[in-house]
């Protein structure tokens, strides 16, 4: 379900086919310790059996990320570009990371797992102002979440120290501005989810529901931390076709933006590579017209 691009053609590979060894000059490969760029003068070696292979995120070039989002339905923003887009310094964003240390366990996992911890709060962004609304349940229809849809899930709210933080407000308002540039200026109903996926019991599943849409207008997935894990590959597919991309976000405050009407997404399971391995993310959804709620 992925495509490999050469200068003259695009080949789409499905689950029924095997992706051939890339030709020289086509790809960039990333190992845990280094990134190697293969040019026309070199050949990409085949990975050893059992070796972990990850693909570098296809970062948009600086301020071009919004144009790429409009064109393709998704884009990946590098941390340095994110700080410019939301008017936050790297230090201000890094200061939010400790608030992922005390997330309560997710009591709603229907696969019997104990690997997910989270908090959830809701906000409205309008005319350059952000306000937090009364705490409410997170609800999705079965149409968008076959595993956990159709039930009201009440999670502990995001800590007041976070929701009152100026960097937090600028981050959410910056995402609202991106949504307005994409969909038109209007109030945005925002759900913010702090996630930690843990590997203490073995495999952790960032998206146990599989590839999905969220029923909103814009989805933002921000990597906060990645410690002692392997896996966790992000996958984005066209909602109406077989084409897709796969890559692994490894640098804190990398941002994946998704036009939820046009693409579906998932993250593959993580496994421990060291003790206390975990992957922390902030997932922010923005929707026009109101929050998703039971009929």
C-alpha atoms as a PDB file:
ATOM      1  CA  UNK A   1       0.000   0.000   0.000  1.00  0.00           C
ATOM      2  CA  UNK A   2       2.917   2.333  -0.548  1.00  0.00           C
ATOM      3  CA  UNK A   3       4.499   4.062  -3.504  1.00  0.00           C
ATOM      4  CA  UNK A   4       8.115   4.326  -4.580  1.00  0.00           C
ATOM      5  CA  UNK A   5       9.034   7.335  -6.693  1.00  0.00           C
ATOM      6  CA  UNK A   6      11.758   7.500  -9.308  1.00  0.00           C
ATOM      7  CA  UNK A   7      12.420  10.455 -11.586  1.00  0.00           C
ATOM      8  CA  UNK A   8      10.217   9.108 -14.363  1.00  0.00           C
ATOM      9  CA  UNK A   9       7.509   7.032 -12.756  1.00  0.00           C
ATOM     10  CA  UNK A  10       5.645   6.112  -9.609  1.00  0.00           C
ATOM     11  CA  UNK A  11       5.070   2.458  -8.744  1.00  0.00           C
ATOM     12  CA  UNK A  12       2.454   1.502  -6.158  1.00  0.00           C
ATOM     13  CA  UNK A  13       3.054  -1.663  -4.117  1.00  0.00           C
ATOM     14  CA  UNK A  14       0.241  -3.503  -2.412  1.00  0.00           C
ATOM     15  CA  UNK A  15       0.111  -6.183   0.280  1.00  0.00           C
ATOM     16  CA  UNK A  16       0.219  -8.782  -2.477  1.00  0.00           C
ATOM     17  CA  UNK A  17       3.555  -7.627  -3.889  1.00  0.00           C
ATOM     18  CA  UNK A  18       7.079  -7.257  -2.637  1.00  0.00           C
ATOM     19  CA  UNK A  19       8.896  -3.965  -2.834  1.00  0.00           C
ATOM     20  CA  UNK A  20      12.123  -4.476  -4.811  1.00  0.00           C
ATOM     21  CA  UNK A  21      15.518  -3.296  -3.682  1.00  0.00           C
ATOM     22  CA  UNK A  22      15.607   0.464  -4.411  1.00  0.00           C
ATOM     23  CA  UNK A  23      17.689   1.699  -7.302  1.00  0.00           C
ATOM     24  CA  UNK A  24      20.636   3.934  -6.546  1.00  0.00           C
ATOM     25  CA  UNK A  25      19.721   7.575  -6.019  1.00  0.00           C
ATOM     26  CA  UNK A  26      16.167   6.998  -4.875  1.00  0.00           C
ATOM     27  CA  UNK A  27      15.974   6.974  -1.110  1.00  0.00           C
ATOM     28  CA  UNK A  28      17.315   8.148   2.208  1.00  0.00           C
ATOM     29  CA  UNK A  29      17.640   5.488   4.926  1.00  0.00           C
ATOM     30  CA  UNK A  30      17.858   6.108   8.657  1.00  0.00           C
ATOM     31  CA  UNK A  31      19.369   3.839  11.271  1.00  0.00           C
ATOM     32  CA  UNK A  32      19.259   4.428  15.024  1.00  0.00           C
ATOM     33  CA  UNK A  33      22.604   6.196  15.088  1.00  0.00           C
ATOM     34  CA  UNK A  34      22.928   7.927  11.744  1.00  0.00           C
ATOM     35  CA  UNK A  35      21.255   8.986   8.551  1.00  0.00           C
ATOM     36  CA  UNK A  36      22.855   7.924   5.274  1.00  0.00           C
ATOM     37  CA  UNK A  37      21.927   9.480   1.966  1.00  0.00           C
ATOM     38  CA  UNK A  38      22.469   7.259  -1.054  1.00  0.00           C
ATOM     39  CA  UNK A  39      23.223   9.020  -4.318  1.00  0.00           C
ATOM     40  CA  UNK A  40      23.477   7.887  -7.906  1.00  0.00           C
ATOM     41  CA  UNK A  41      27.096   6.945  -7.247  1.00  0.00           C
ATOM     42  CA  UNK A  42      26.247   4.481  -4.480  1.00  0.00           C
ATOM     43  CA  UNK A  43      24.013   1.499  -3.956  1.00  0.00           C
ATOM     44  CA  UNK A  44      21.726   0.967  -0.977  1.00  0.00           C
ATOM     45  CA  UNK A  45      22.673  -2.263   0.800  1.00  0.00           C
ATOM     46  CA  UNK A  46      20.031  -4.763   1.743  1.00  0.00           C
ATOM     47  CA  UNK A  47      19.229  -4.681   5.478  1.00  0.00           C
ATOM     48  CA  UNK A  48      20.352  -7.666   7.502  1.00  0.00           C
ATOM     49  CA  UNK A  49      17.668 -10.109   8.586  1.00  0.00           C
ATOM     50  CA  UNK A  50      15.904  -8.764  11.653  1.00  0.00           C
ATOM     51  CA  UNK A  51      17.463  -5.301  11.361  1.00  0.00           C
ATOM     52  CA  UNK A  52      15.171  -2.373  12.091  1.00  0.00           C
ATOM     53  CA  UNK A  53      14.663  -0.073   9.104  1.00  0.00           C
ATOM     54  CA  UNK A  54      12.987   3.300   9.476  1.00  0.00           C
ATOM     55  CA  UNK A  55      12.196   5.980   6.949  1.00  0.00           C
ATOM     56  CA  UNK A  56      12.948   9.635   7.545  1.00  0.00           C
ATOM     57  CA  UNK A  57       9.840  11.874   7.698  1.00  0.00           C
ATOM     58  CA  UNK A  58       9.207  13.709   4.403  1.00  0.00           C
ATOM     59  CA  UNK A  59       9.606  17.141   5.974  1.00  0.00           C
ATOM     60  CA  UNK A  60       8.076  20.058   4.107  1.00  0.00           C
ATOM     61  CA  UNK A  61      10.432  22.884   3.264  1.00  0.00           C
ATOM     62  CA  UNK A  62       9.995  25.620   5.853  1.00  0.00           C
ATOM     63  CA  UNK A  63       6.879  27.699   5.331  1.00  0.00           C
ATOM     64  CA  UNK A  64       5.799  25.515   2.381  1.00  0.00           C
ATOM     65  CA  UNK A  65       4.056  23.027   4.668  1.00  0.00           C
ATOM     66  CA  UNK A  66       0.639  24.687   4.292  1.00  0.00           C
ATOM     67  CA  UNK A  67       0.820  24.475   0.509  1.00  0.00           C
ATOM     68  CA  UNK A  68       1.768  20.809   0.760  1.00  0.00           C
ATOM     69  CA  UNK A  69      -1.130  20.200   3.157  1.00  0.00           C
ATOM     70  CA  UNK A  70      -3.562  21.753   0.661  1.00  0.00           C
ATOM     71  CA  UNK A  71      -2.073  19.814  -2.234  1.00  0.00           C
ATOM     72  CA  UNK A  72      -1.712  16.323  -0.767  1.00  0.00           C
ATOM     73  CA  UNK A  73      -3.849  16.238   2.374  1.00  0.00           C
ATOM     74  CA  UNK A  74      -0.937  15.761   4.767  1.00  0.00           C
ATOM     75  CA  UNK A  75       2.425  17.236   5.643  1.00  0.00           C
ATOM     76  CA  UNK A  76       5.218  16.786   8.169  1.00  0.00           C
ATOM     77  CA  UNK A  77       6.624  19.887   9.834  1.00  0.00           C
ATOM     78  CA  UNK A  78      10.131  19.883  11.314  1.00  0.00           C
ATOM     79  CA  UNK A  79      10.542  21.152  14.890  1.00  0.00           C
ATOM     80  CA  UNK A  80      12.335  24.323  13.779  1.00  0.00           C
ATOM     81  CA  UNK A  81       9.509  25.153  11.372  1.00  0.00           C
ATOM     82  CA  UNK A  82       6.909  24.418  14.050  1.00  0.00           C
ATOM     83  CA  UNK A  83       8.362  26.980  16.441  1.00  0.00           C
ATOM     84  CA  UNK A  84       8.126  29.630  13.722  1.00  0.00           C
ATOM     85  CA  UNK A  85       4.581  28.633  12.744  1.00  0.00           C
ATOM     86  CA  UNK A  86       3.152  28.803  16.284  1.00  0.00           C
ATOM     87  CA  UNK A  87       5.429  31.516  17.703  1.00  0.00           C
ATOM     88  CA  UNK A  88       6.880  29.316  20.452  1.00  0.00           C
ATOM     89  CA  UNK A  89      10.518  28.729  21.248  1.00  0.00           C
ATOM     90  CA  UNK A  90      11.981  25.237  21.427  1.00  0.00           C
ATOM     91  CA  UNK A  91      12.617  25.781  25.138  1.00  0.00           C
ATOM     92  CA  UNK A  92       8.970  26.719  25.757  1.00  0.00           C
ATOM     93  CA  UNK A  93       7.754  23.574  24.040  1.00  0.00           C
ATOM     94  CA  UNK A  94      10.309  21.405  25.836  1.00  0.00           C
ATOM     95  CA  UNK A  95       9.042  22.775  29.161  1.00  0.00           C
ATOM     96  CA  UNK A  96       5.678  21.099  28.484  1.00  0.00           C
ATOM     97  CA  UNK A  97       7.178  17.588  28.212  1.00  0.00           C
ATOM     98  CA  UNK A  98       7.308  16.821  31.980  1.00  0.00           C
ATOM     99  CA  UNK A  99       3.514  16.937  32.069  1.00  0.00           C
ATOM    100  CA  UNK A 100       3.483  13.572  30.288  1.00  0.00           C
ATOM    101  CA  UNK A 101       4.943  11.900  33.390  1.00  0.00           C
ATOM    102  CA  UNK A 102       1.687  11.641  35.372  1.00  0.00           C
ATOM    103  CA  UNK A 103      -0.944  10.576  32.853  1.00  0.00           C
ATOM    104  CA  UNK A 104      -3.642   8.262  34.271  1.00  0.00           C
ATOM    105  CA  UNK A 105      -4.194   4.840  32.713  1.00  0.00           C
ATOM    106  CA  UNK A 106      -6.745   4.550  29.909  1.00  0.00           C
ATOM    107  CA  UNK A 107      -9.517   2.429  31.451  1.00  0.00           C
ATOM    108  CA  UNK A 108     -11.409   1.966  28.176  1.00  0.00           C
ATOM    109  CA  UNK A 109      -9.054  -0.233  26.153  1.00  0.00           C
ATOM    110  CA  UNK A 110     -11.110  -3.087  24.733  1.00  0.00           C
ATOM    111  CA  UNK A 111      -8.134  -5.193  23.684  1.00  0.00           C
ATOM    112  CA  UNK A 112      -7.294  -5.932  27.316  1.00  0.00           C
ATOM    113  CA  UNK A 113      -4.083  -3.915  27.203  1.00  0.00           C
ATOM    114  CA  UNK A 114      -2.565  -1.716  29.905  1.00  0.00           C
ATOM    115  CA  UNK A 115      -0.196   0.228  27.688  1.00  0.00           C
ATOM    116  CA  UNK A 116      -1.990   3.557  27.163  1.00  0.00           C
ATOM    117  CA  UNK A 117      -2.098   6.576  29.487  1.00  0.00           C
ATOM    118  CA  UNK A 118      -3.853   9.819  28.651  1.00  0.00           C
ATOM    119  CA  UNK A 119      -5.530  13.104  29.550  1.00  0.00           C
ATOM    120  CA  UNK A 120      -8.092  15.031  27.517  1.00  0.00           C
ATOM    121  CA  UNK A 121      -9.521  18.554  27.472  1.00  0.00           C
ATOM    122  CA  UNK A 122     -11.563  20.668  25.068  1.00  0.00           C
ATOM    123  CA  UNK A 123     -11.153  24.241  23.872  1.00  0.00           C
ATOM    124  CA  UNK A 124     -12.646  26.707  21.409  1.00  0.00           C
ATOM    125  CA  UNK A 125     -10.417  28.979  19.301  1.00  0.00           C
ATOM    126  CA  UNK A 126     -12.154  32.022  17.869  1.00  0.00           C
ATOM    127  CA  UNK A 127     -10.929  35.413  16.663  1.00  0.00           C
ATOM    128  CA  UNK A 128      -7.434  34.827  18.031  1.00  0.00           C
ATOM    129  CA  UNK A 129      -8.643  33.823  21.486  1.00  0.00           C
ATOM    130  CA  UNK A 130      -8.578  30.428  23.164  1.00  0.00           C
ATOM    131  CA  UNK A 131     -10.970  29.362  25.893  1.00  0.00           C
ATOM    132  CA  UNK A 132     -11.264  26.068  27.670  1.00  0.00           C
ATOM    133  CA  UNK A 133     -14.786  24.646  27.842  1.00  0.00           C
ATOM    134  CA  UNK A 134     -16.426  22.628  30.592  1.00  0.00           C
ATOM    135  CA  UNK A 135     -14.921  19.162  30.863  1.00  0.00           C
ATOM    136  CA  UNK A 136     -16.708  16.714  28.606  1.00  0.00           C
ATOM    137  CA  UNK A 137     -16.504  13.120  27.443  1.00  0.00           C
ATOM    138  CA  UNK A 138     -14.586  12.096  24.348  1.00  0.00           C
ATOM    139  CA  UNK A 139     -17.005  10.425  21.946  1.00  0.00           C
ATOM    140  CA  UNK A 140     -16.614   8.980  18.464  1.00  0.00           C
ATOM    141  CA  UNK A 141     -19.163   7.148  16.328  1.00  0.00           C
ATOM    142  CA  UNK A 142     -18.484   3.546  15.343  1.00  0.00           C
ATOM    143  CA  UNK A 143     -18.070   4.819  11.790  1.00  0.00           C
ATOM    144  CA  UNK A 144     -14.735   6.344  12.780  1.00  0.00           C
ATOM    145  CA  UNK A 145     -13.634   4.065  15.621  1.00  0.00           C
ATOM    146  CA  UNK A 146     -14.919   0.502  15.372  1.00  0.00           C
ATOM    147  CA  UNK A 147     -13.065  -0.534  18.540  1.00  0.00           C
ATOM    148  CA  UNK A 148     -13.907   2.277  20.964  1.00  0.00           C
ATOM    149  CA  UNK A 149     -16.668   4.167  19.198  1.00  0.00           C
ATOM    150  CA  UNK A 150     -20.216   4.576  20.425  1.00  0.00           C
ATOM    151  CA  UNK A 151     -19.325   5.080  24.110  1.00  0.00           C
ATOM    152  CA  UNK A 152     -18.664   8.194  26.159  1.00  0.00           C
ATOM    153  CA  UNK A 153     -15.113   8.025  27.452  1.00  0.00           C
ATOM    154  CA  UNK A 154     -14.352  10.254  30.403  1.00  0.00           C
ATOM    155  CA  UNK A 155     -10.646  10.947  30.839  1.00  0.00           C
ATOM    156  CA  UNK A 156      -8.966  13.079  33.469  1.00  0.00           C
ATOM    157  CA  UNK A 157      -8.523  16.672  32.240  1.00  0.00           C
ATOM    158  CA  UNK A 158      -5.235  18.152  31.170  1.00  0.00           C
ATOM    159  CA  UNK A 159      -3.506  19.771  34.137  1.00  0.00           C
ATOM    160  CA  UNK A 160      -4.392  23.413  34.783  1.00  0.00           C
ATOM    161  CA  UNK A 161      -0.685  24.311  34.718  1.00  0.00           C
ATOM    162  CA  UNK A 162      -0.638  23.159  31.101  1.00  0.00           C
ATOM    163  CA  UNK A 163      -3.894  24.691  29.898  1.00  0.00           C
ATOM    164  CA  UNK A 164      -2.898  28.071  31.413  1.00  0.00           C
ATOM    165  CA  UNK A 165       0.596  27.926  29.907  1.00  0.00           C
ATOM    166  CA  UNK A 166       1.203  30.627  27.304  1.00  0.00           C
ATOM    167  CA  UNK A 167       3.134  28.269  25.036  1.00  0.00           C
ATOM    168  CA  UNK A 168       0.203  25.848  25.128  1.00  0.00           C
ATOM    169  CA  UNK A 169      -2.205  28.610  24.123  1.00  0.00           C
ATOM    170  CA  UNK A 170       0.045  29.791  21.296  1.00  0.00           C
ATOM    171  CA  UNK A 171       0.426  26.212  20.069  1.00  0.00           C
ATOM    172  CA  UNK A 172      -3.323  25.583  19.894  1.00  0.00           C
ATOM    173  CA  UNK A 173      -4.036  29.001  18.386  1.00  0.00           C
ATOM    174  CA  UNK A 174      -1.305  28.385  15.811  1.00  0.00           C
ATOM    175  CA  UNK A 175      -2.964  25.115  14.824  1.00  0.00           C
ATOM    176  CA  UNK A 176      -6.315  26.920  14.606  1.00  0.00           C
ATOM    177  CA  UNK A 177      -4.746  29.453  12.241  1.00  0.00           C
ATOM    178  CA  UNK A 178      -3.486  26.604  10.046  1.00  0.00           C
ATOM    179  CA  UNK A 179      -6.995  25.124  10.034  1.00  0.00           C
ATOM    180  CA  UNK A 180      -8.471  28.503   9.036  1.00  0.00           C
ATOM    181  CA  UNK A 181      -5.960  28.872   6.215  1.00  0.00           C
ATOM    182  CA  UNK A 182      -6.964  25.416   4.988  1.00  0.00           C
ATOM    183  CA  UNK A 183     -10.729  25.459   5.519  1.00  0.00           C
ATOM    184  CA  UNK A 184     -11.727  29.106   5.972  1.00  0.00           C
ATOM    185  CA  UNK A 185     -11.787  31.380   9.005  1.00  0.00           C
ATOM    186  CA  UNK A 186     -14.283  30.255  11.634  1.00  0.00           C
ATOM    187  CA  UNK A 187     -14.435  29.070  15.264  1.00  0.00           C
ATOM    188  CA  UNK A 188     -12.568  25.813  15.856  1.00  0.00           C
ATOM    189  CA  UNK A 189     -13.698  23.203  18.363  1.00  0.00           C
ATOM    190  CA  UNK A 190     -10.530  21.606  19.661  1.00  0.00           C
ATOM    191  CA  UNK A 191      -9.957  18.344  21.498  1.00  0.00           C
ATOM    192  CA  UNK A 192      -6.463  17.891  22.933  1.00  0.00           C
ATOM    193  CA  UNK A 193      -5.194  14.463  23.981  1.00  0.00           C
ATOM    194  CA  UNK A 194      -1.979  13.772  25.869  1.00  0.00           C
ATOM    195  CA  UNK A 195      -0.885  10.177  25.198  1.00  0.00           C
ATOM    196  CA  UNK A 196       1.815   7.929  26.571  1.00  0.00           C
ATOM    197  CA  UNK A 197       2.161   4.472  25.012  1.00  0.00           C
ATOM    198  CA  UNK A 198       4.167   2.229  27.320  1.00  0.00           C
ATOM    199  CA  UNK A 199       6.029  -1.028  26.668  1.00  0.00           C
ATOM    200  CA  UNK A 200       6.312  -2.320  30.237  1.00  0.00           C
ATOM    201  CA  UNK A 201       4.048  -5.273  29.398  1.00  0.00           C
ATOM    202  CA  UNK A 202       5.522  -5.760  25.941  1.00  0.00           C
ATOM    203  CA  UNK A 203       3.853  -4.312  22.849  1.00  0.00           C
ATOM    204  CA  UNK A 204       2.141  -0.918  23.005  1.00  0.00           C
ATOM    205  CA  UNK A 205      -0.393   0.117  20.369  1.00  0.00           C
ATOM    206  CA  UNK A 206      -0.693   3.836  19.567  1.00  0.00           C
ATOM    207  CA  UNK A 207      -3.736   3.202  17.346  1.00  0.00           C
ATOM    208  CA  UNK A 208      -5.384  -0.062  18.412  1.00  0.00           C
ATOM    209  CA  UNK A 209      -8.361   0.784  16.177  1.00  0.00           C
ATOM    210  CA  UNK A 210      -6.126   0.587  13.083  1.00  0.00           C
ATOM    211  CA  UNK A 211      -6.060   2.971  10.144  1.00  0.00           C
ATOM    212  CA  UNK A 212      -8.841   5.492  10.636  1.00  0.00           C
ATOM    213  CA  UNK A 213     -10.255   8.965  10.288  1.00  0.00           C
ATOM    214  CA  UNK A 214     -11.367  11.009  13.291  1.00  0.00           C
ATOM    215  CA  UNK A 215     -14.434  12.768  11.886  1.00  0.00           C
ATOM    216  CA  UNK A 216     -12.915  16.252  12.182  1.00  0.00           C
ATOM    217  CA  UNK A 217     -11.380  18.806   9.829  1.00  0.00           C
ATOM    218  CA  UNK A 218      -7.729  18.809  10.862  1.00  0.00           C
ATOM    219  CA  UNK A 219      -5.657  16.368  12.928  1.00  0.00           C
ATOM    220  CA  UNK A 220      -2.296  17.353  14.415  1.00  0.00           C
ATOM    221  CA  UNK A 221       0.008  14.678  15.826  1.00  0.00           C
ATOM    222  CA  UNK A 222       3.011  16.049  17.704  1.00  0.00           C
ATOM    223  CA  UNK A 223       5.793  13.792  18.944  1.00  0.00           C
ATOM    224  CA  UNK A 224       6.742  14.855  22.478  1.00  0.00           C
ATOM    225  CA  UNK A 225       9.209  12.099  23.401  1.00  0.00           C
ATOM    226  CA  UNK A 226      10.379   8.704  22.216  1.00  0.00           C
ATOM    227  CA  UNK A 227      12.469   6.707  24.677  1.00  0.00           C
ATOM    228  CA  UNK A 228      13.755   3.137  24.478  1.00  0.00           C
ATOM    229  CA  UNK A 229      11.373   1.810  21.820  1.00  0.00           C
ATOM    230  CA  UNK A 230      11.425   0.433  18.311  1.00  0.00           C
ATOM    231  CA  UNK A 231       8.546   0.574  15.860  1.00  0.00           C
ATOM    232  CA  UNK A 232       5.978   3.339  15.997  1.00  0.00           C
ATOM    233  CA  UNK A 233       5.963   3.967  12.270  1.00  0.00           C
ATOM    234  CA  UNK A 234       3.474   6.593  11.085  1.00  0.00           C
ATOM    235  CA  UNK A 235       1.431   5.627   8.049  1.00  0.00           C
ATOM    236  CA  UNK A 236      -0.782   7.954   6.016  1.00  0.00           C
ATOM    237  CA  UNK A 237      -3.001   6.733   3.180  1.00  0.00           C
ATOM    238  CA  UNK A 238      -5.289   8.397   0.662  1.00  0.00           C
ATOM    239  CA  UNK A 239      -8.826   7.930   1.987  1.00  0.00           C
ATOM    240  CA  UNK A 240     -10.110   6.927  -1.455  1.00  0.00           C
ATOM    241  CA  UNK A 241      -7.133   5.075  -2.927  1.00  0.00           C
ATOM    242  CA  UNK A 242      -4.163   2.787  -2.266  1.00  0.00           C
ATOM    243  CA  UNK A 243      -1.340   5.352  -2.176  1.00  0.00           C
ATOM    244  CA  UNK A 244       0.430   6.100   1.072  1.00  0.00           C
ATOM    245  CA  UNK A 245       3.551   7.101   2.953  1.00  0.00           C
ATOM    246  CA  UNK A 246       5.396   5.541   5.866  1.00  0.00           C
ATOM    247  CA  UNK A 247       7.969   7.157   8.129  1.00  0.00           C
ATOM    248  CA  UNK A 248       9.091   7.278  11.745  1.00  0.00           C
ATOM    249  CA  UNK A 249       8.952  10.480  13.768  1.00  0.00           C
ATOM    250  CA  UNK A 250      11.908  10.505  16.154  1.00  0.00           C
ATOM    251  CA  UNK A 251      12.713  14.165  16.850  1.00  0.00           C
ATOM    252  CA  UNK A 252      10.644  15.799  19.616  1.00  0.00           C
ATOM    253  CA  UNK A 253       8.084  18.342  18.409  1.00  0.00           C
ATOM    254  CA  UNK A 254       7.890  16.955  14.919  1.00  0.00           C
ATOM    255  CA  UNK A 255       4.367  17.707  13.690  1.00  0.00           C
ATOM    256  CA  UNK A 256       2.225  15.574  11.382  1.00  0.00           C
ATOM    257  CA  UNK A 257      -0.771  17.465   9.946  1.00  0.00           C
ATOM    258  CA  UNK A 258      -3.669  15.583   8.360  1.00  0.00           C
ATOM    259  CA  UNK A 259      -6.671  16.825   6.401  1.00  0.00           C
ATOM    260  CA  UNK A 260      -9.065  14.316   7.936  1.00  0.00           C
ATOM    261  CA  UNK A 261     -11.473  14.403   5.001  1.00  0.00           C
ATOM    262  CA  UNK A 262      -8.782  13.280   2.578  1.00  0.00           C
ATOM    263  CA  UNK A 263      -6.517  10.824   4.399  1.00  0.00           C
ATOM    264  CA  UNK A 264      -6.585   8.014   6.935  1.00  0.00           C
ATOM    265  CA  UNK A 265      -3.766   7.345   9.366  1.00  0.00           C
ATOM    266  CA  UNK A 266      -2.320   4.908  11.874  1.00  0.00           C
ATOM    267  CA  UNK A 267       0.836   4.274  13.898  1.00  0.00           C
ATOM    268  CA  UNK A 268       2.303   0.782  14.128  1.00  0.00           C
ATOM    269  CA  UNK A 269       2.882  -0.879  17.529  1.00  0.00           C
ATOM    270  CA  UNK A 270       5.993  -0.151  19.550  1.00  0.00           C
ATOM    271  CA  UNK A 271       8.208  -2.712  21.271  1.00  0.00           C
ATOM    272  CA  UNK A 272      10.733  -2.207  24.071  1.00  0.00           C
ATOM    273  CA  UNK A 273      14.327  -1.524  23.080  1.00  0.00           C
ATOM    274  CA  UNK A 274      15.278  -0.585  26.659  1.00  0.00           C
ATOM    275  CA  UNK A 275      13.624  -0.604  30.061  1.00  0.00           C
ATOM    276  CA  UNK A 276      10.732   1.816  30.600  1.00  0.00           C
ATOM    277  CA  UNK A 277      10.344   2.361  26.858  1.00  0.00           C
ATOM    278  CA  UNK A 278       7.556   4.743  25.877  1.00  0.00           C
ATOM    279  CA  UNK A 279       6.295   7.084  23.158  1.00  0.00           C
ATOM    280  CA  UNK A 280       4.630  10.383  24.124  1.00  0.00           C
ATOM    281  CA  UNK A 281       2.436  12.373  21.763  1.00  0.00           C
ATOM    282  CA  UNK A 282       0.038  15.280  21.766  1.00  0.00           C
ATOM    283  CA  UNK A 283      -2.899  14.729  19.410  1.00  0.00           C
ATOM    284  CA  UNK A 284      -5.024  17.774  18.654  1.00  0.00           C
ATOM    285  CA  UNK A 285      -8.184  17.621  16.539  1.00  0.00           C
ATOM    286  CA  UNK A 286      -9.939  20.692  15.153  1.00  0.00           C
ATOM    287  CA  UNK A 287     -13.516  20.614  13.933  1.00  0.00           C
ATOM    288  CA  UNK A 288     -15.857  23.252  12.549  1.00  0.00           C
ATOM    289  CA  UNK A 289     -19.422  23.571  13.785  1.00  0.00           C
ATOM    290  CA  UNK A 290     -19.098  21.920  17.187  1.00  0.00           C
ATOM    291  CA  UNK A 291     -17.712  18.942  19.056  1.00  0.00           C
ATOM    292  CA  UNK A 292     -18.623  15.406  18.011  1.00  0.00           C
ATOM    293  CA  UNK A 293     -21.353  14.178  20.355  1.00  0.00           C
ATOM    294  CA  UNK A 294     -23.983  11.427  20.466  1.00  0.00           C
ATOM    295  CA  UNK A 295     -27.112  12.217  18.469  1.00  0.00           C
END
